Amino acid sequence: MPQLEFSERFADDLAAVTSPRVEARVMRALDCIESFGNFGSPLLPRSVEDRFGNGVRKVVIRPFDLIYTHYPEQDLVRVEALVYARGTP
């Protein structure tokens, strides 16, 4: 089970979420990511890869995409951001 590490940006993004339902879905997604590091999709727009680097993954939590990077060799998941799915980070 990988360790979760949270970026400052993700903390700020999560603090800005005003819907308790969306916040609860984010927490459930984090539980899944912690259990299965490769839980999310690697299919991302180039702009997201340019911003966060190669190997990032996403989990759709409407209206957001939760962006993270899995480092299996370190048994680590770095949670990068929570971005609007239709916008750019």
N, C-alpha and C. Protein backbone atom coordinates (compact mmCIF):
# COMPACT_ATOMS: atom_id res chain seq x y z
N MET A 1 0.85 -1.17 0.00
CA MET A 1 0.00 0.00 0.00
C MET A 1 0.90 1.24 0.00
N PRO A 2 0.79 2.07 -1.03
CA PRO A 2 1.68 3.24 -1.10
C PRO A 2 1.32 4.31 -0.07
N GLN A 3 2.34 5.03 0.33
CA GLN A 3 2.15 6.18 1.22
C GLN A 3 1.63 7.35 0.38
N LEU A 4 0.71 8.13 0.92
CA LEU A 4 0.20 9.30 0.23
C LEU A 4 0.95 10.54 0.71
N GLU A 5 1.33 11.37 -0.27
CA GLU A 5 1.98 12.64 0.01
C GLU A 5 1.16 13.72 -0.71
N PHE A 6 0.84 14.80 -0.05
CA PHE A 6 -0.03 15.82 -0.61
C PHE A 6 0.74 17.10 -0.89
N SER A 7 0.57 17.62 -2.10
CA SER A 7 1.20 18.90 -2.44
C SER A 7 0.44 20.03 -1.76
N GLU A 8 1.10 21.16 -1.63
CA GLU A 8 0.45 22.34 -1.08
C GLU A 8 -0.71 22.78 -1.98
N ARG A 9 -0.49 22.65 -3.29
CA ARG A 9 -1.56 23.02 -4.23
C ARG A 9 -2.81 22.17 -3.99
N PHE A 10 -2.63 20.85 -3.82
CA PHE A 10 -3.79 20.00 -3.57
C PHE A 10 -4.50 20.42 -2.29
N ALA A 11 -3.75 20.71 -1.25
CA ALA A 11 -4.37 21.14 0.01
C ALA A 11 -5.21 22.40 -0.20
N ASP A 12 -4.67 23.35 -0.96
CA ASP A 12 -5.41 24.58 -1.26
C ASP A 12 -6.64 24.28 -2.11
N ASP A 13 -6.48 23.42 -3.11
CA ASP A 13 -7.61 23.06 -3.98
C ASP A 13 -8.73 22.41 -3.17
N LEU A 14 -8.36 21.48 -2.30
CA LEU A 14 -9.36 20.77 -1.49
C LEU A 14 -10.04 21.73 -0.51
N ALA A 15 -9.30 22.66 0.04
CA ALA A 15 -9.88 23.62 0.98
C ALA A 15 -10.92 24.52 0.29
N ALA A 16 -10.79 24.69 -1.02
CA ALA A 16 -11.72 25.53 -1.77
C ALA A 16 -13.00 24.80 -2.17
N VAL A 17 -13.06 23.49 -2.00
CA VAL A 17 -14.26 22.72 -2.33
C VAL A 17 -15.34 23.05 -1.31
N THR A 18 -16.50 23.45 -1.80
CA THR A 18 -17.58 23.85 -0.89
C THR A 18 -18.67 22.80 -0.75
N SER A 19 -18.65 21.78 -1.58
CA SER A 19 -19.68 20.75 -1.52
C SER A 19 -19.22 19.58 -0.65
N PRO A 20 -19.97 19.28 0.43
CA PRO A 20 -19.62 18.11 1.25
C PRO A 20 -19.64 16.80 0.45
N ARG A 21 -20.53 16.70 -0.52
CA ARG A 21 -20.60 15.47 -1.34
C ARG A 21 -19.34 15.31 -2.18
N VAL A 22 -18.89 16.39 -2.80
CA VAL A 22 -17.67 16.32 -3.61
C VAL A 22 -16.48 16.01 -2.71
N GLU A 23 -16.41 16.65 -1.57
CA GLU A 23 -15.31 16.39 -0.63
C GLU A 23 -15.29 14.92 -0.21
N ALA A 24 -16.45 14.36 0.05
CA ALA A 24 -16.54 12.94 0.43
C ALA A 24 -16.08 12.04 -0.72
N ARG A 25 -16.42 12.41 -1.97
CA ARG A 25 -15.96 11.62 -3.12
C ARG A 25 -14.45 11.72 -3.28
N VAL A 26 -13.88 12.88 -3.00
CA VAL A 26 -12.42 13.02 -3.04
C VAL A 26 -11.79 12.08 -2.02
N MET A 27 -12.33 12.06 -0.82
CA MET A 27 -11.77 11.19 0.23
C MET A 27 -11.87 9.71 -0.16
N ARG A 28 -12.98 9.31 -0.76
CA ARG A 28 -13.12 7.91 -1.21
C ARG A 28 -12.11 7.59 -2.30
N ALA A 29 -11.90 8.54 -3.21
CA ALA A 29 -10.91 8.33 -4.28
C ALA A 29 -9.51 8.20 -3.69
N LEU A 30 -9.20 9.00 -2.69
CA LEU A 30 -7.88 8.90 -2.05
C LEU A 30 -7.70 7.53 -1.39
N ASP A 31 -8.76 6.99 -0.79
CA ASP A 31 -8.70 5.65 -0.21
C ASP A 31 -8.39 4.61 -1.29
N CYS A 32 -9.04 4.75 -2.45
CA CYS A 32 -8.79 3.82 -3.55
C CYS A 32 -7.36 3.94 -4.07
N ILE A 33 -6.90 5.16 -4.21
CA ILE A 33 -5.53 5.39 -4.69
C ILE A 33 -4.53 4.80 -3.70
N GLU A 34 -4.80 4.96 -2.42
CA GLU A 34 -3.90 4.42 -1.40
C GLU A 34 -3.87 2.90 -1.47
N SER A 35 -5.00 2.28 -1.76
CA SER A 35 -5.05 0.82 -1.86
C SER A 35 -4.48 0.31 -3.17
N PHE A 36 -4.71 1.04 -4.25
CA PHE A 36 -4.29 0.62 -5.59
C PHE A 36 -3.65 1.83 -6.28
N GLY A 37 -2.35 1.96 -6.20
CA GLY A 37 -1.65 3.14 -6.71
C GLY A 37 -1.95 3.49 -8.16
N ASN A 38 -2.21 2.48 -8.98
CA ASN A 38 -2.50 2.72 -10.39
C ASN A 38 -4.00 2.80 -10.66
N PHE A 39 -4.75 3.21 -9.68
CA PHE A 39 -6.21 3.26 -9.76
C PHE A 39 -6.71 4.17 -10.89
N GLY A 40 -6.09 5.32 -11.07
CA GLY A 40 -6.57 6.31 -12.03
C GLY A 40 -6.14 6.05 -13.45
N SER A 41 -6.59 6.91 -14.33
CA SER A 41 -6.30 6.80 -15.76
C SER A 41 -5.04 7.59 -16.12
N PRO A 42 -4.21 7.03 -17.00
CA PRO A 42 -3.05 7.76 -17.48
C PRO A 42 -3.37 8.64 -18.69
N LEU A 43 -4.62 8.63 -19.16
CA LEU A 43 -5.02 9.40 -20.34
C LEU A 43 -5.36 10.82 -19.94
N LEU A 44 -4.40 11.71 -20.16
CA LEU A 44 -4.53 13.11 -19.74
C LEU A 44 -4.19 14.05 -20.89
N PRO A 45 -4.74 15.25 -20.87
CA PRO A 45 -4.34 16.24 -21.87
C PRO A 45 -2.85 16.58 -21.73
N ARG A 46 -2.26 16.91 -22.83
CA ARG A 46 -0.83 17.25 -22.82
C ARG A 46 -0.54 18.41 -21.86
N SER A 47 -1.48 19.35 -21.74
CA SER A 47 -1.27 20.49 -20.85
C SER A 47 -1.10 20.05 -19.39
N VAL A 48 -1.79 19.00 -19.00
CA VAL A 48 -1.66 18.49 -17.63
C VAL A 48 -0.30 17.82 -17.46
N GLU A 49 0.10 17.02 -18.44
CA GLU A 49 1.42 16.38 -18.37
C GLU A 49 2.53 17.43 -18.38
N ASP A 50 2.36 18.48 -19.17
CA ASP A 50 3.37 19.55 -19.19
C ASP A 50 3.47 20.23 -17.83
N ARG A 51 2.35 20.37 -17.17
CA ARG A 51 2.32 21.06 -15.87
C ARG A 51 2.85 20.19 -14.74
N PHE A 52 2.47 18.91 -14.72
CA PHE A 52 2.79 18.05 -13.58
C PHE A 52 3.82 16.96 -13.87
N GLY A 53 4.21 16.80 -15.12
CA GLY A 53 5.24 15.82 -15.47
C GLY A 53 4.68 14.53 -16.04
N ASN A 54 5.58 13.75 -16.61
CA ASN A 54 5.20 12.45 -17.18
C ASN A 54 4.79 11.50 -16.07
N GLY A 55 3.89 10.61 -16.40
CA GLY A 55 3.48 9.59 -15.45
C GLY A 55 2.34 10.00 -14.53
N VAL A 56 1.80 11.19 -14.72
CA VAL A 56 0.67 11.58 -13.88
C VAL A 56 -0.56 10.79 -14.28
N ARG A 57 -1.46 10.67 -13.34
CA ARG A 57 -2.71 9.94 -13.55
C ARG A 57 -3.85 10.82 -13.04
N LYS A 58 -5.07 10.45 -13.41
CA LYS A 58 -6.22 11.21 -12.92
C LYS A 58 -7.33 10.28 -12.49
N VAL A 59 -8.11 10.80 -11.55
CA VAL A 59 -9.36 10.17 -11.14
C VAL A 59 -10.42 11.24 -11.32
N VAL A 60 -11.46 10.92 -12.06
CA VAL A 60 -12.54 11.88 -12.30
C VAL A 60 -13.44 11.92 -11.07
N ILE A 61 -13.59 13.13 -10.54
CA ILE A 61 -14.49 13.40 -9.42
C ILE A 61 -15.24 14.66 -9.83
N ARG A 62 -16.30 14.46 -10.59
CA ARG A 62 -16.99 15.61 -11.19
C ARG A 62 -17.32 16.67 -10.16
N PRO A 63 -16.99 17.91 -10.45
CA PRO A 63 -16.54 18.49 -11.71
C PRO A 63 -15.02 18.57 -11.83
N PHE A 64 -14.30 17.80 -11.02
CA PHE A 64 -12.84 17.88 -10.97
C PHE A 64 -12.16 16.63 -11.50
N ASP A 65 -10.89 16.78 -11.78
CA ASP A 65 -9.97 15.66 -11.96
C ASP A 65 -8.97 15.74 -10.82
N LEU A 66 -8.80 14.65 -10.11
CA LEU A 66 -7.78 14.56 -9.08
C LEU A 66 -6.52 14.08 -9.79
N ILE A 67 -5.46 14.86 -9.72
CA ILE A 67 -4.22 14.57 -10.43
C ILE A 67 -3.18 14.07 -9.43
N TYR A 68 -2.54 12.94 -9.76
CA TYR A 68 -1.52 12.39 -8.87
C TYR A 68 -0.46 11.64 -9.66
N THR A 69 0.66 11.41 -9.00
CA THR A 69 1.75 10.65 -9.59
C THR A 69 2.04 9.46 -8.68
N HIS A 70 2.14 8.29 -9.29
CA HIS A 70 2.45 7.07 -8.53
C HIS A 70 3.91 6.72 -8.78
N TYR A 71 4.65 6.55 -7.70
CA TYR A 71 6.06 6.14 -7.76
C TYR A 71 6.16 4.75 -7.14
N PRO A 72 5.90 3.69 -7.93
CA PRO A 72 5.86 2.34 -7.34
C PRO A 72 7.20 1.91 -6.73
N GLU A 73 8.32 2.37 -7.32
CA GLU A 73 9.62 1.97 -6.78
C GLU A 73 9.86 2.54 -5.39
N GLN A 74 9.16 3.63 -5.06
CA GLN A 74 9.27 4.25 -3.73
C GLN A 74 8.06 3.94 -2.86
N ASP A 75 7.10 3.21 -3.41
CA ASP A 75 5.85 2.92 -2.72
C ASP A 75 5.20 4.22 -2.24
N LEU A 76 5.09 5.18 -3.18
CA LEU A 76 4.63 6.52 -2.87
C LEU A 76 3.66 7.02 -3.92
N VAL A 77 2.64 7.73 -3.48
CA VAL A 77 1.73 8.45 -4.37
C VAL A 77 1.76 9.91 -3.93
N ARG A 78 2.09 10.79 -4.88
CA ARG A 78 2.06 12.24 -4.61
C ARG A 78 0.79 12.80 -5.24
N VAL A 79 -0.09 13.33 -4.41
CA VAL A 79 -1.33 13.93 -4.89
C VAL A 79 -1.01 15.37 -5.25
N GLU A 80 -1.16 15.69 -6.55
CA GLU A 80 -0.69 16.96 -7.09
C GLU A 80 -1.72 18.07 -7.02
N ALA A 81 -2.96 17.80 -7.47
CA ALA A 81 -3.93 18.88 -7.61
C ALA A 81 -5.33 18.34 -7.81
N LEU A 82 -6.26 19.23 -7.65
CA LEU A 82 -7.67 18.99 -7.95
C LEU A 82 -8.06 20.10 -8.92
N VAL A 83 -8.23 19.73 -10.20
CA VAL A 83 -8.47 20.75 -11.22
C VAL A 83 -9.83 20.54 -11.88
N TYR A 84 -10.42 21.64 -12.34
CA TYR A 84 -11.68 21.51 -13.08
C TYR A 84 -11.45 20.65 -14.30
N ALA A 85 -12.30 19.69 -14.53
CA ALA A 85 -12.12 18.72 -15.62
C ALA A 85 -12.14 19.39 -16.98
N ARG A 86 -12.86 20.48 -17.15
CA ARG A 86 -12.94 21.12 -18.44
C ARG A 86 -11.98 22.27 -18.59
N GLY A 87 -11.24 22.56 -17.55
CA GLY A 87 -10.29 23.67 -17.60
C GLY A 87 -8.87 23.17 -17.62
N THR A 88 -7.95 24.06 -17.63
CA THR A 88 -6.55 23.70 -17.53
C THR A 88 -6.08 24.03 -16.13
N PRO A 89 -5.11 23.28 -15.63
CA PRO A 89 -4.64 23.50 -14.26
C PRO A 89 -3.96 24.84 -14.08
